[in-house]
Amino acid sequence: MPSMHSENLIFTGYNYFKKYPSYYLGGFFLMNIFDIIGPVMIGPSSSHTAGATRIGKAASLLLSAPPVRADILLHGSFAKTYRGHGTDKALVGGIMGMEPWDIRIRDSLTLAEKAGITVCFTTGTIDDAHPNTARIVLTGADGTTAQLTGASVGGGNILITQINGMDVSFTGQNPTLIILHRDLPGVIAQVTALVSQHQGNICNFRLSRKEKGGDAVMTIELDGCFRTDITDEIRNMPHIHGVILFQLN
């Protein structure tokens, strides 16, 4: 017979994973041994340090040019403890391309200043967001900008919820194609046909758009490693604005 405490934990976990379904399937929580042991990382916290590094790295992949400015909004517990838990250093380290185990994360703020990257942290509230959420706006040397909102959901795992103002939902556990495009008939069919030609197996697909016929974002998660040159082929298709292949792991 489980204790009242364990029943509460099960109930809380069920509600959490129903809200964030990428980790919940068929009545079971999807975990592997690395979720239990925890990631290889620079401490002190898998959620506030390792996960934050991956959020920063995901944001850097969106930008087509080296960053010269990073505006970072911190929400929830990130906003309350980011200095003490090294979340600020982890996010900036990720933006500079570091992995969670990179010892340079401890000096990332100084390294960013030396690299000519202006970093601005603010705290605030993001509606309906996980407590460990950051919204990052990067500005490149060529004036381009990229915006990403992501949450660190435990054990170093992340959930990306917004890209350039449009809703998405992916974890980075699988190779993920993010395709910015015009919402027109046939665009999705062309892209998925090309993925099939490259022997890619789609394990998750999501479309986000602001209005019919306007800008849209395709999120395609794939099983296994994937050839990076597919991005060039997709980029050359009609009505495609941009392509990013996330392979965080």
Protein backbone atom coordinates (compact mmCIF):
# COMPACT_ATOMS: atom_id res chain seq x y z
CA MET A 1 0.00 0.00 0.00
CA PRO A 2 1.61 3.31 -1.01
CA SER A 3 1.82 6.07 1.57
CA MET A 4 -0.25 9.25 1.33
CA HIS A 5 3.00 11.07 0.45
CA SER A 6 3.75 8.73 -2.45
CA GLU A 7 0.16 8.97 -3.68
CA ASN A 8 0.46 12.76 -3.74
CA LEU A 9 3.70 12.47 -5.67
CA ILE A 10 2.07 10.15 -8.20
CA PHE A 11 -0.91 12.48 -8.61
CA THR A 12 1.35 15.52 -8.97
CA GLY A 13 3.56 13.72 -11.46
CA TYR A 14 0.55 12.60 -13.48
CA ASN A 15 -0.79 16.13 -13.79
CA TYR A 16 2.66 17.47 -14.67
CA PHE A 17 3.27 14.95 -17.42
CA LYS A 18 -0.24 15.40 -18.80
CA LYS A 19 0.59 19.10 -19.15
CA TYR A 20 3.95 18.32 -20.76
CA PRO A 21 3.05 15.21 -22.80
CA SER A 22 6.46 14.73 -24.42
CA TYR A 23 7.36 12.78 -21.28
CA TYR A 24 4.09 10.86 -20.81
CA LEU A 25 2.68 8.02 -22.90
CA GLY A 26 0.07 5.35 -22.33
CA GLY A 27 -0.06 5.70 -18.55
CA PHE A 28 3.73 5.49 -18.12
CA PHE A 29 6.32 8.16 -17.47
CA LEU A 30 9.05 8.00 -20.14
CA MET A 31 12.41 7.91 -18.37
CA ASN A 32 15.76 6.29 -18.95
CA ILE A 33 18.64 5.51 -16.66
CA PHE A 34 20.28 8.87 -17.42
CA ASP A 35 17.17 10.71 -16.17
CA ILE A 36 17.64 8.93 -12.83
CA ILE A 37 21.41 9.24 -12.52
CA GLY A 38 21.50 12.76 -13.94
CA PRO A 39 23.58 14.33 -16.71
CA VAL A 40 27.35 14.78 -16.80
CA MET A 41 27.61 18.45 -15.96
CA ILE A 42 29.16 21.35 -14.12
CA GLY A 43 27.06 21.84 -10.94
CA PRO A 44 25.30 22.73 -8.87
CA SER A 45 21.89 21.82 -10.36
CA SER A 46 20.77 19.65 -13.28
CA SER A 47 17.66 21.80 -13.70
CA HIS A 48 19.21 25.21 -13.15
CA THR A 49 22.60 24.55 -14.74
CA ALA A 50 22.63 21.61 -17.19
CA GLY A 51 19.14 22.30 -18.53
CA ALA A 52 19.84 26.02 -18.75
CA THR A 53 22.98 25.35 -20.80
CA ARG A 54 20.94 23.34 -23.31
CA ILE A 55 18.33 26.10 -23.57
CA GLY A 56 21.08 28.60 -24.34
CA LYS A 57 22.63 26.29 -26.93
CA ALA A 58 19.23 25.75 -28.59
CA ALA A 59 18.82 29.53 -28.87
CA SER A 60 22.26 29.90 -30.46
CA LEU A 61 21.33 27.40 -33.19
CA LEU A 62 18.52 29.72 -34.32
CA LEU A 63 20.85 32.57 -35.15
CA SER A 64 22.55 32.72 -38.54
CA ALA A 65 25.39 34.96 -37.35
CA PRO A 66 27.61 35.18 -34.23
CA PRO A 67 25.69 36.81 -31.35
CA VAL A 68 26.61 40.29 -30.20
CA ARG A 69 23.74 40.71 -27.72
CA ALA A 70 21.64 38.42 -25.54
CA ASP A 71 18.49 39.67 -23.78
CA ILE A 72 17.34 37.01 -21.32
CA LEU A 73 14.05 37.08 -19.39
CA LEU A 74 13.92 34.71 -16.41
CA HIS A 75 10.64 33.35 -15.01
CA GLY A 76 9.69 31.53 -11.81
CA SER A 77 12.45 29.83 -9.85
CA PHE A 78 14.94 30.80 -12.54
CA ALA A 79 14.19 34.43 -11.67
CA LYS A 80 14.60 33.84 -7.93
CA THR A 81 17.79 31.76 -7.80
CA TYR A 82 19.62 32.29 -11.07
CA ARG A 83 22.75 33.81 -9.55
CA GLY A 84 23.09 31.31 -6.71
CA HIS A 85 22.53 28.28 -8.96
CA GLY A 86 24.65 29.53 -11.83
CA THR A 87 21.72 29.69 -14.25
CA ASP A 88 23.00 32.98 -15.69
CA LYS A 89 26.42 31.46 -16.42
CA ALA A 90 24.84 28.29 -17.83
CA LEU A 91 22.54 30.14 -20.23
CA VAL A 92 25.37 32.32 -21.52
CA GLY A 93 27.68 29.31 -21.81
CA GLY A 94 25.08 27.55 -23.92
CA ILE A 95 24.65 30.62 -26.11
CA MET A 96 28.40 30.47 -26.71
CA GLY A 97 28.12 26.81 -27.75
CA MET A 98 29.29 25.13 -24.54
CA GLU A 99 28.05 21.73 -23.35
CA PRO A 100 26.74 21.18 -19.77
CA TRP A 101 30.04 19.55 -18.71
CA ASP A 102 32.27 22.37 -20.01
CA ILE A 103 34.28 23.85 -17.12
CA ARG A 104 34.38 27.20 -18.96
CA ILE A 105 30.73 27.71 -17.95
CA ARG A 106 31.98 29.02 -14.61
CA ASP A 107 33.63 31.92 -16.45
CA SER A 108 31.10 32.33 -19.26
CA LEU A 109 30.01 35.85 -18.30
CA THR A 110 33.61 37.07 -18.45
CA LEU A 111 34.23 35.14 -21.67
CA ALA A 112 31.12 36.66 -23.25
CA GLU A 113 32.31 40.16 -22.38
CA LYS A 114 35.71 39.43 -23.90
CA ALA A 115 33.99 38.12 -27.04
CA GLY A 116 32.03 41.36 -27.39
CA ILE A 117 28.65 39.89 -26.41
CA THR A 118 26.42 42.21 -24.37
CA VAL A 119 24.26 40.23 -21.94
CA CYS A 120 21.18 41.68 -20.23
CA PHE A 121 19.18 39.70 -17.63
CA THR A 122 15.69 40.69 -16.50
CA THR A 123 13.13 38.89 -14.36
CA GLY A 124 9.40 38.71 -14.92
CA THR A 125 6.41 36.49 -15.57
CA ILE A 126 5.73 34.37 -18.66
CA ASP A 127 2.11 33.23 -18.89
CA ASP A 128 1.45 29.49 -18.43
CA ALA A 129 5.16 28.75 -18.22
CA HIS A 130 7.04 26.06 -16.32
CA PRO A 131 8.81 27.49 -13.22
CA ASN A 132 12.25 27.01 -14.80
CA THR A 133 11.70 29.04 -17.97
CA ALA A 134 13.88 31.49 -19.88
CA ARG A 135 13.05 33.59 -22.92
CA ILE A 136 16.15 34.48 -24.94
CA VAL A 137 16.38 37.10 -27.67
CA LEU A 138 19.69 37.00 -29.55
CA THR A 139 20.96 39.67 -31.91
CA GLY A 140 23.59 38.74 -34.46
CA ALA A 141 26.48 40.75 -35.84
CA ASP A 142 24.51 41.17 -39.07
CA GLY A 143 21.49 42.63 -37.23
CA THR A 144 19.34 39.50 -37.42
CA THR A 145 17.44 38.41 -34.31
CA ALA A 146 16.13 35.10 -32.97
CA GLN A 147 13.82 34.45 -30.04
CA LEU A 148 13.41 31.20 -28.10
CA THR A 149 11.46 30.26 -24.97
CA GLY A 150 12.48 27.07 -23.19
CA ALA A 151 11.99 25.32 -19.86
CA SER A 152 14.34 23.10 -17.88
CA VAL A 153 12.04 20.26 -16.78
CA GLY A 154 14.41 18.21 -14.60
CA GLY A 155 17.47 16.00 -14.94
CA GLY A 156 19.01 18.32 -17.51
CA ASN A 157 16.09 17.80 -19.89
CA ILE A 158 14.47 20.75 -21.64
CA LEU A 159 11.24 21.62 -23.41
CA ILE A 160 11.29 24.32 -26.10
CA THR A 161 7.88 25.99 -26.22
CA GLN A 162 8.26 28.99 -28.52
CA ILE A 163 10.44 30.06 -31.44
CA ASN A 164 10.24 33.55 -32.93
CA GLY A 165 6.86 34.15 -31.30
CA MET A 166 5.26 30.92 -32.54
CA ASP A 167 4.36 27.96 -30.35
CA VAL A 168 6.39 24.76 -30.69
CA SER A 169 6.92 21.73 -28.47
CA PHE A 170 10.06 19.62 -28.60
CA THR A 171 12.69 18.38 -26.16
CA GLY A 172 15.85 18.10 -28.23
CA GLN A 173 16.18 14.44 -27.24
CA ASN A 174 15.70 13.52 -30.91
CA PRO A 175 17.14 15.26 -33.97
CA THR A 176 14.59 17.98 -34.75
CA LEU A 177 14.01 19.98 -37.91
CA ILE A 178 12.60 23.47 -37.36
CA ILE A 179 11.34 24.84 -40.68
CA LEU A 180 10.12 28.42 -41.08
CA HIS A 181 7.87 28.62 -44.13
CA ARG A 182 4.83 30.11 -45.83
CA ASP A 183 1.61 28.32 -44.98
CA LEU A 184 0.66 27.15 -48.48
CA PRO A 185 -0.70 23.85 -49.89
CA GLY A 186 1.98 21.28 -50.68
CA VAL A 187 4.82 22.70 -48.57
CA ILE A 188 4.49 20.09 -45.81
CA ALA A 189 4.15 17.28 -48.36
CA GLN A 190 7.36 18.36 -50.13
CA VAL A 191 9.34 18.44 -46.91
CA THR A 192 8.10 15.12 -45.52
CA ALA A 193 8.66 13.43 -48.90
CA LEU A 194 12.28 14.60 -48.84
CA VAL A 195 12.73 13.30 -45.28
CA SER A 196 11.42 9.93 -46.46
CA GLN A 197 13.84 9.91 -49.39
CA HIS A 198 16.68 10.36 -46.90
CA GLN A 199 15.40 7.32 -44.95
CA GLY A 200 14.27 9.51 -42.06
CA ASN A 201 11.51 8.24 -39.78
CA ILE A 202 9.29 10.97 -38.30
CA CYS A 203 8.40 10.27 -34.67
CA ASN A 204 6.65 13.57 -33.96
CA PHE A 205 5.25 16.42 -36.09
CA ARG A 206 3.73 19.77 -35.19
CA LEU A 207 2.64 22.81 -37.20
CA SER A 208 2.26 26.28 -35.73
CA ARG A 209 0.97 29.29 -37.66
CA LYS A 210 -0.27 32.77 -36.86
CA GLU A 211 -2.83 32.86 -39.67
CA LYS A 212 -3.86 30.87 -42.74
CA GLY A 213 -1.48 31.58 -45.61
CA GLY A 214 0.96 33.48 -43.40
CA ASP A 215 4.18 32.52 -41.65
CA ALA A 216 4.32 29.06 -40.09
CA VAL A 217 6.73 26.74 -38.29
CA MET A 218 7.05 23.00 -38.87
CA THR A 219 8.60 20.95 -36.07
CA ILE A 220 9.70 17.49 -37.21
CA GLU A 221 11.33 15.11 -34.71
CA LEU A 222 13.24 12.17 -36.19
CA ASP A 223 14.44 8.79 -34.95
CA GLY A 224 18.22 8.43 -34.77
CA CYS A 225 20.98 10.60 -36.20
CA PHE A 226 20.29 12.46 -39.40
CA ARG A 227 22.35 13.92 -42.24
CA THR A 228 22.87 17.65 -41.82
CA ASP A 229 22.93 18.35 -45.56
CA ILE A 230 19.15 17.86 -45.74
CA THR A 231 18.82 21.44 -44.49
CA ASP A 232 20.33 22.78 -47.73
CA GLU A 233 17.87 20.81 -49.82
CA ILE A 234 14.89 21.99 -47.79
CA ARG A 235 16.14 25.58 -47.82
CA ASN A 236 16.11 25.55 -51.63
CA MET A 237 12.43 24.54 -51.78
CA PRO A 238 9.78 27.14 -52.67
CA HIS A 239 8.21 29.10 -49.79
CA ILE A 240 10.86 28.05 -47.23
CA HIS A 241 12.23 30.95 -45.14
CA GLY A 242 14.71 29.08 -42.94
CA VAL A 243 15.75 25.64 -41.69
CA ILE A 244 17.51 24.58 -38.50
CA LEU A 245 18.49 21.03 -37.53
CA PHE A 246 18.67 20.68 -33.76
CA GLN A 247 20.93 17.83 -32.65
CA LEU A 248 21.56 18.87 -29.05
CA ASN A 249 22.73 15.45 -27.91
